[in-house]
Amino acid sequence: MTRHQVTTDLAPSPAGPYSQAVVANGFLFSAGQTPHHPATGERVGITIEEQTIQAMKNLSQVLGAHGLDFSHVVKATVHLHHPGRDFDGFNAIYEQYVVAPYPARTTVGSFLGDFLVEIDVVAVVP
């Protein structure tokens, strides 16, 4: 099995020993993307909607670095800091990016520090 690292300056740089994404066996596996600005590293927005937009923009850039988009996504994992409060607001933005048939998804509550959402995806590489 070969693995290929995917990187872009248009999404936040990894904060540790991991890749923005890795391609292996016909799939792209992204790291969790957060609502941080790619250039400054600062959190973007204070609402779940604002932060979800930025996280989805970051994911879009990572996918795009390998010639993919959200139509290639087959699985998403979503971490919400306040799932009971933010689930509907997150969904309102998320559904603007993904296309039917929608990716399988797991949404969990997680302690995320000073931000509200983190999303990672698995995408098929044609």
Protein backbone atom coordinates (compact mmCIF):
# COMPACT_ATOMS: atom_id res chain seq x y z
CA MET A 1 0.00 0.00 0.00
CA THR A 2 1.23 3.46 -0.85
CA ARG A 3 0.21 6.60 0.96
CA HIS A 4 0.30 10.09 -0.49
CA GLN A 5 0.23 13.20 1.67
CA VAL A 6 -2.08 16.04 0.60
CA THR A 7 -1.15 19.56 1.64
CA THR A 8 -2.34 23.07 0.87
CA ASP A 9 -1.55 26.52 2.19
CA LEU A 10 -5.27 27.33 1.72
CA ALA A 11 -6.22 25.38 4.88
CA PRO A 12 -4.70 25.60 8.36
CA SER A 13 -1.37 23.85 8.83
CA PRO A 14 -1.36 20.81 11.10
CA ALA A 15 -0.75 21.64 14.75
CA GLY A 16 1.11 18.39 15.36
CA PRO A 17 2.57 15.29 13.68
CA TYR A 18 -0.26 14.66 11.21
CA SER A 19 -1.17 15.48 7.62
CA GLN A 20 -4.01 17.64 6.35
CA ALA A 21 -5.03 14.55 4.39
CA VAL A 22 -3.64 11.25 3.19
CA VAL A 23 -4.64 9.34 0.06
CA ALA A 24 -4.46 5.53 0.27
CA ASN A 25 -6.20 2.69 -1.58
CA GLY A 26 -8.52 4.96 -3.55
CA PHE A 27 -9.68 7.12 -0.65
CA LEU A 28 -8.73 10.49 0.78
CA PHE A 29 -8.79 10.67 4.58
CA SER A 30 -8.78 14.21 5.94
CA ALA A 31 -7.65 15.42 9.31
CA GLY A 32 -10.25 17.26 11.33
CA GLN A 33 -10.76 20.77 10.04
CA THR A 34 -11.68 23.51 12.45
CA PRO A 35 -12.90 27.09 12.06
CA HIS A 36 -9.42 28.56 11.98
CA HIS A 37 -8.18 30.93 9.31
CA PRO A 38 -5.50 29.32 7.10
CA ALA A 39 -3.14 32.31 7.15
CA THR A 40 -3.53 33.67 10.67
CA GLY A 41 -4.54 30.55 12.59
CA GLU A 42 -7.16 32.62 14.41
CA ARG A 43 -10.62 31.26 15.07
CA VAL A 44 -13.22 32.60 12.62
CA GLY A 45 -16.67 33.44 13.99
CA ILE A 46 -18.44 32.95 17.28
CA THR A 47 -21.64 31.17 16.20
CA ILE A 48 -21.92 27.57 15.09
CA GLU A 49 -23.02 28.77 11.66
CA GLU A 50 -20.00 31.05 11.18
CA GLN A 51 -17.60 28.42 12.46
CA THR A 52 -19.14 25.66 10.34
CA ILE A 53 -18.74 27.80 7.21
CA GLN A 54 -15.03 28.22 7.93
CA ALA A 55 -14.49 24.53 8.74
CA MET A 56 -16.28 23.56 5.51
CA LYS A 57 -14.18 26.09 3.53
CA ASN A 58 -11.05 24.53 5.01
CA LEU A 59 -12.27 21.03 4.09
CA SER A 60 -13.09 22.24 0.59
CA GLN A 61 -9.52 23.46 0.16
CA VAL A 62 -8.04 20.17 1.39
CA LEU A 63 -10.29 18.20 -0.97
CA GLY A 64 -9.50 20.60 -3.81
CA ALA A 65 -5.76 20.13 -3.29
CA HIS A 66 -6.30 16.60 -4.64
CA GLY A 67 -8.83 17.60 -7.31
CA LEU A 68 -11.87 16.55 -5.26
CA ASP A 69 -14.96 18.27 -3.90
CA PHE A 70 -17.84 17.42 -1.56
CA SER A 71 -19.49 15.22 -4.21
CA HIS A 72 -16.66 12.74 -3.59
CA VAL A 73 -17.23 12.58 0.18
CA VAL A 74 -18.70 9.27 1.42
CA LYS A 75 -18.25 9.66 5.21
CA ALA A 76 -18.02 12.57 7.63
CA THR A 77 -17.30 12.69 11.33
CA VAL A 78 -18.47 15.83 13.10
CA HIS A 79 -17.48 16.95 16.58
CA LEU A 80 -19.73 19.57 18.18
CA HIS A 81 -18.79 21.29 21.43
CA HIS A 82 -22.49 21.81 22.31
CA PRO A 83 -24.44 19.19 20.29
CA GLY A 84 -27.84 19.87 21.87
CA ARG A 85 -27.60 23.58 21.20
CA ASP A 86 -25.74 23.59 17.88
CA PHE A 87 -26.97 20.53 15.95
CA ASP A 88 -29.63 22.40 13.94
CA GLY A 89 -27.39 25.39 13.16
CA PHE A 90 -24.60 23.06 12.05
CA ASN A 91 -26.96 21.09 9.79
CA ALA A 92 -28.30 24.28 8.17
CA ILE A 93 -24.80 25.10 6.91
CA TYR A 94 -23.54 21.54 6.30
CA GLU A 95 -26.41 20.73 3.93
CA GLN A 96 -25.39 23.69 1.73
CA TYR A 97 -22.08 21.94 0.97
CA VAL A 98 -22.86 18.23 0.64
CA VAL A 99 -24.82 16.67 -2.20
CA ALA A 100 -27.26 13.76 -2.36
CA PRO A 101 -26.83 10.97 -1.84
CA TYR A 102 -25.51 12.48 1.38
CA PRO A 103 -22.38 11.08 2.99
CA ALA A 104 -22.75 8.74 5.93
CA ARG A 105 -22.11 10.79 9.07
CA THR A 106 -21.38 10.43 12.75
CA THR A 107 -21.94 13.46 14.97
CA VAL A 108 -20.57 13.42 18.49
CA GLY A 109 -20.17 15.80 21.40
CA SER A 110 -16.54 16.67 22.12
CA PHE A 111 -14.63 19.15 24.22
CA LEU A 112 -13.02 21.40 21.60
CA GLY A 113 -11.54 24.23 23.63
CA ASP A 114 -12.34 27.66 22.21
CA PHE A 115 -14.14 26.51 19.05
CA LEU A 116 -17.46 24.79 18.38
CA VAL A 117 -16.96 22.37 15.48
CA GLU A 118 -14.40 20.03 13.92
CA ILE A 119 -15.09 17.93 10.82
CA ASP A 120 -13.14 15.21 9.04
CA VAL A 121 -14.14 13.33 5.91
CA VAL A 122 -13.39 10.30 3.79
CA ALA A 123 -13.68 10.85 0.05
CA VAL A 124 -13.48 8.49 -2.92
CA VAL A 125 -10.67 9.24 -5.37
CA PRO A 126 -11.95 8.46 -8.88
